[in-house]
């Protein structure tokens, strides 16, 4: 970084730090943490992101930047977890998808989002009774907890029970399967 751009970055950092002191609940957390990352201040960025996520747990960008902090700190499993959380919160986040792909280069993750829902998605195990309670909310609770296989299974049951919502549930199944593939080491 040249001197002029370094001074500009420092000025922006100071401005955001001042804003954060004046309003500690500002959602500028991710922007300031990102600037810290540019300056290789990984620990400062980590602390800031963790504080921001404590206030705004559904702030996908903060999870993404926290994952980048963990990458800089060589905490790979923590980075992977945060990138997956960013994808859970914002399924179209290409940067999180790319960073996960780079962390798991031998795993195929280029899934066509336009493909039709596979027929096996409507096939459920006989052990699942017809009166088992399944809802999209339950599936998302499983996903939020990192229980991706259970979330996928729940959505498959929903496809079976509500075929009119096949496309919507199918899209979410593909997203969850992609996250699961990113987390599962190749055999």
Protein backbone atom coordinates (compact mmCIF):
# COMPACT_ATOMS: atom_id res chain seq x y z
CA UNK A 1 0.00 0.00 0.00
CA UNK A 2 1.47 3.39 -0.89
CA UNK A 3 1.75 6.25 1.59
CA UNK A 4 -1.24 8.24 0.30
CA UNK A 5 -3.61 5.27 0.38
CA UNK A 6 -2.21 4.22 3.76
CA UNK A 7 -2.98 7.67 5.16
CA UNK A 8 -6.47 7.55 3.68
CA UNK A 9 -7.08 4.12 5.24
CA UNK A 10 -5.78 5.33 8.61
CA UNK A 11 -8.04 8.39 8.41
CA UNK A 12 -11.05 6.21 7.60
CA UNK A 13 -10.18 3.83 10.45
CA UNK A 14 -9.94 6.73 12.89
CA UNK A 15 -13.24 8.15 11.66
CA UNK A 16 -15.02 4.81 12.09
CA UNK A 17 -13.42 4.24 15.50
CA UNK A 18 -14.71 7.64 16.61
CA UNK A 19 -18.18 6.78 15.30
CA UNK A 20 -18.09 3.44 17.13
CA UNK A 21 -17.11 5.13 20.42
CA UNK A 22 -19.98 7.60 20.02
CA UNK A 23 -22.42 4.83 19.09
CA UNK A 24 -21.21 1.39 20.20
CA UNK A 25 -24.33 -0.18 18.68
CA UNK A 26 -23.47 1.09 15.21
CA UNK A 27 -23.66 -1.54 12.48
CA UNK A 28 -20.35 -0.19 11.11
CA UNK A 29 -18.65 -3.11 12.86
CA UNK A 30 -17.99 -5.09 9.69
CA UNK A 31 -16.65 -2.09 7.78
CA UNK A 32 -14.19 -1.15 10.54
CA UNK A 33 -13.16 -4.78 11.06
CA UNK A 34 -12.57 -5.09 7.32
CA UNK A 35 -10.27 -2.08 7.44
CA UNK A 36 -8.43 -3.67 10.36
CA UNK A 37 -7.95 -6.77 8.21
CA UNK A 38 -6.41 -4.62 5.46
CA UNK A 39 -3.90 -3.46 8.07
CA UNK A 40 -3.25 -7.07 9.26
CA UNK A 41 -4.84 -6.25 12.62
CA UNK A 42 -6.53 -9.65 12.80
CA UNK A 43 -7.01 -9.76 16.56
CA UNK A 44 -8.55 -6.25 16.68
CA UNK A 45 -10.87 -7.23 13.84
CA UNK A 46 -11.81 -10.49 15.58
CA UNK A 47 -12.72 -8.78 18.85
CA UNK A 48 -14.76 -6.14 17.05
CA UNK A 49 -16.67 -8.73 14.97
CA UNK A 50 -17.39 -10.93 17.98
CA UNK A 51 -18.76 -7.91 19.87
CA UNK A 52 -20.85 -6.92 16.86
CA UNK A 53 -22.23 -10.42 16.41
CA UNK A 54 -23.16 -10.50 20.10
CA UNK A 55 -25.38 -7.47 19.39
CA UNK A 56 -26.45 -8.45 15.86
CA UNK A 57 -26.34 -12.27 15.63
CA UNK A 58 -27.95 -12.26 12.17
CA UNK A 59 -25.44 -9.80 10.66
CA UNK A 60 -24.15 -11.96 7.79
CA UNK A 61 -21.36 -9.53 6.81
CA UNK A 62 -19.97 -9.57 10.35
CA UNK A 63 -19.85 -13.39 10.23
CA UNK A 64 -18.09 -13.21 6.86
CA UNK A 65 -15.47 -10.73 8.14
CA UNK A 66 -15.04 -12.76 11.34
CA UNK A 67 -14.31 -15.79 9.16
CA UNK A 68 -11.66 -13.76 7.36
CA UNK A 69 -10.19 -12.78 10.75
CA UNK A 70 -9.98 -16.44 11.68
CA UNK A 71 -8.29 -17.19 8.37
CA UNK A 72 -5.66 -14.57 9.18
CA UNK A 73 -5.24 -16.10 12.63
CA UNK A 74 -4.95 -19.62 11.08
CA UNK A 75 -8.06 -20.80 12.94
CA UNK A 76 -9.46 -22.75 10.01
CA UNK A 77 -12.35 -24.59 11.65
CA UNK A 78 -13.58 -21.32 13.16
CA UNK A 79 -13.26 -19.63 9.76
CA UNK A 80 -15.23 -22.43 8.10
CA UNK A 81 -17.96 -22.18 10.74
CA UNK A 82 -18.32 -18.41 10.23
CA UNK A 83 -18.41 -18.70 6.43
CA UNK A 84 -21.13 -21.34 6.74
CA UNK A 85 -23.07 -19.09 9.10
CA UNK A 86 -22.75 -16.22 6.62
CA UNK A 87 -24.17 -18.54 3.94
CA UNK A 88 -26.97 -19.64 6.23
CA UNK A 89 -27.93 -16.02 6.81
CA UNK A 90 -27.27 -14.86 3.24
CA UNK A 91 -27.41 -17.86 0.87
CA UNK A 92 -26.34 -15.78 -2.15
CA UNK A 93 -23.07 -14.62 -0.51
CA UNK A 94 -20.56 -15.48 -3.24
CA UNK A 95 -17.53 -14.41 -1.19
CA UNK A 96 -18.38 -16.85 1.62
CA UNK A 97 -18.92 -19.60 -0.97
CA UNK A 98 -15.59 -18.77 -2.67
CA UNK A 99 -13.65 -18.69 0.60
CA UNK A 100 -15.13 -22.04 1.64
CA UNK A 101 -14.28 -23.47 -1.76
CA UNK A 102 -10.68 -22.27 -1.39
CA UNK A 103 -10.47 -23.86 2.05
CA UNK A 104 -11.73 -27.16 0.61
CA UNK A 105 -10.21 -27.27 -2.87
CA UNK A 106 -10.87 -30.95 -3.51
CA UNK A 107 -14.60 -30.72 -2.89
CA UNK A 108 -16.90 -30.01 -5.81
CA UNK A 109 -19.24 -27.15 -4.99
CA UNK A 110 -20.40 -25.86 -8.37
CA UNK A 111 -23.98 -26.96 -8.18
CA UNK A 112 -26.42 -25.68 -10.78
CA UNK A 113 -29.07 -23.75 -8.87
CA UNK A 114 -31.54 -24.12 -11.76
CA UNK A 115 -31.70 -27.90 -11.70
CA UNK A 116 -35.03 -29.43 -10.82
CA UNK A 117 -35.51 -30.98 -7.43
CA UNK A 118 -34.30 -34.56 -7.63
CA UNK A 119 -36.97 -37.22 -7.33
CA UNK A 120 -35.18 -38.85 -4.41
CA UNK A 121 -35.97 -35.76 -2.36
CA UNK A 122 -39.54 -36.91 -2.07
CA UNK A 123 -38.58 -40.40 -1.00
CA UNK A 124 -38.53 -40.65 2.76
CA UNK A 125 -37.52 -43.47 5.00
CA UNK A 126 -40.37 -45.73 6.16
CA UNK A 127 -39.29 -45.07 9.74
CA UNK A 128 -40.61 -41.52 9.44
CA UNK A 129 -44.25 -41.54 10.38
CA UNK A 130 -46.82 -39.52 8.51
CA UNK A 131 -47.68 -37.63 11.70
CA UNK A 132 -44.10 -36.46 12.38
CA UNK A 133 -44.14 -32.70 12.85
CA UNK A 134 -42.02 -30.91 10.26
CA UNK A 135 -42.07 -27.23 9.35
CA UNK A 136 -39.77 -24.86 7.48
CA UNK A 137 -39.07 -23.20 10.84
CA UNK A 138 -37.90 -26.51 12.28
CA UNK A 139 -35.67 -27.08 9.25
CA UNK A 140 -34.13 -23.63 9.69
CA UNK A 141 -33.54 -24.25 13.39
CA UNK A 142 -31.58 -27.37 12.42
CA UNK A 143 -29.62 -25.35 9.84
CA UNK A 144 -28.88 -22.59 12.36
CA UNK A 145 -27.51 -25.21 14.74
CA UNK A 146 -25.29 -26.68 12.03
CA UNK A 147 -27.37 -29.88 11.80
CA UNK A 148 -27.43 -29.66 8.01
CA UNK A 149 -28.33 -33.29 7.34
CA UNK A 150 -31.34 -33.05 9.64
CA UNK A 151 -32.38 -29.76 8.01
CA UNK A 152 -32.12 -31.37 4.57
CA UNK A 153 -34.13 -34.39 5.74
CA UNK A 154 -36.82 -32.08 7.14
CA UNK A 155 -37.06 -30.16 3.87
CA UNK A 156 -37.29 -33.44 1.94
CA UNK A 157 -40.24 -34.44 4.12
CA UNK A 158 -41.78 -31.04 3.44
CA UNK A 159 -41.39 -31.55 -0.32
CA UNK A 160 -43.25 -34.84 0.08
CA UNK A 161 -46.02 -33.27 2.15
CA UNK A 162 -46.34 -29.98 0.28
CA UNK A 163 -45.54 -30.66 -3.38
CA UNK A 164 -46.88 -27.22 -4.31
CA UNK A 165 -43.84 -25.73 -2.55
CA UNK A 166 -41.39 -28.14 -4.19
CA UNK A 167 -39.42 -25.40 -5.96
CA UNK A 168 -38.94 -23.25 -2.83
CA UNK A 169 -37.96 -26.18 -0.62
CA UNK A 170 -35.79 -27.62 -3.38
CA UNK A 171 -33.80 -24.41 -3.65
CA UNK A 172 -33.14 -24.44 0.11
CA UNK A 173 -32.18 -28.13 -0.03
CA UNK A 174 -29.59 -27.35 -2.72
CA UNK A 175 -28.18 -24.51 -0.60
CA UNK A 176 -27.92 -26.72 2.47
CA UNK A 177 -26.41 -29.60 0.48
CA UNK A 178 -23.79 -27.23 -0.87
CA UNK A 179 -22.88 -26.08 2.64
CA UNK A 180 -22.80 -29.71 3.79
CA UNK A 181 -20.48 -30.66 0.89
CA UNK A 182 -18.17 -27.80 1.78
CA UNK A 183 -17.95 -29.06 5.35
CA UNK A 184 -17.54 -32.74 4.53
CA UNK A 185 -14.01 -33.83 3.67
CA UNK A 186 -13.75 -35.88 0.48
CA UNK A 187 -13.65 -39.65 1.02
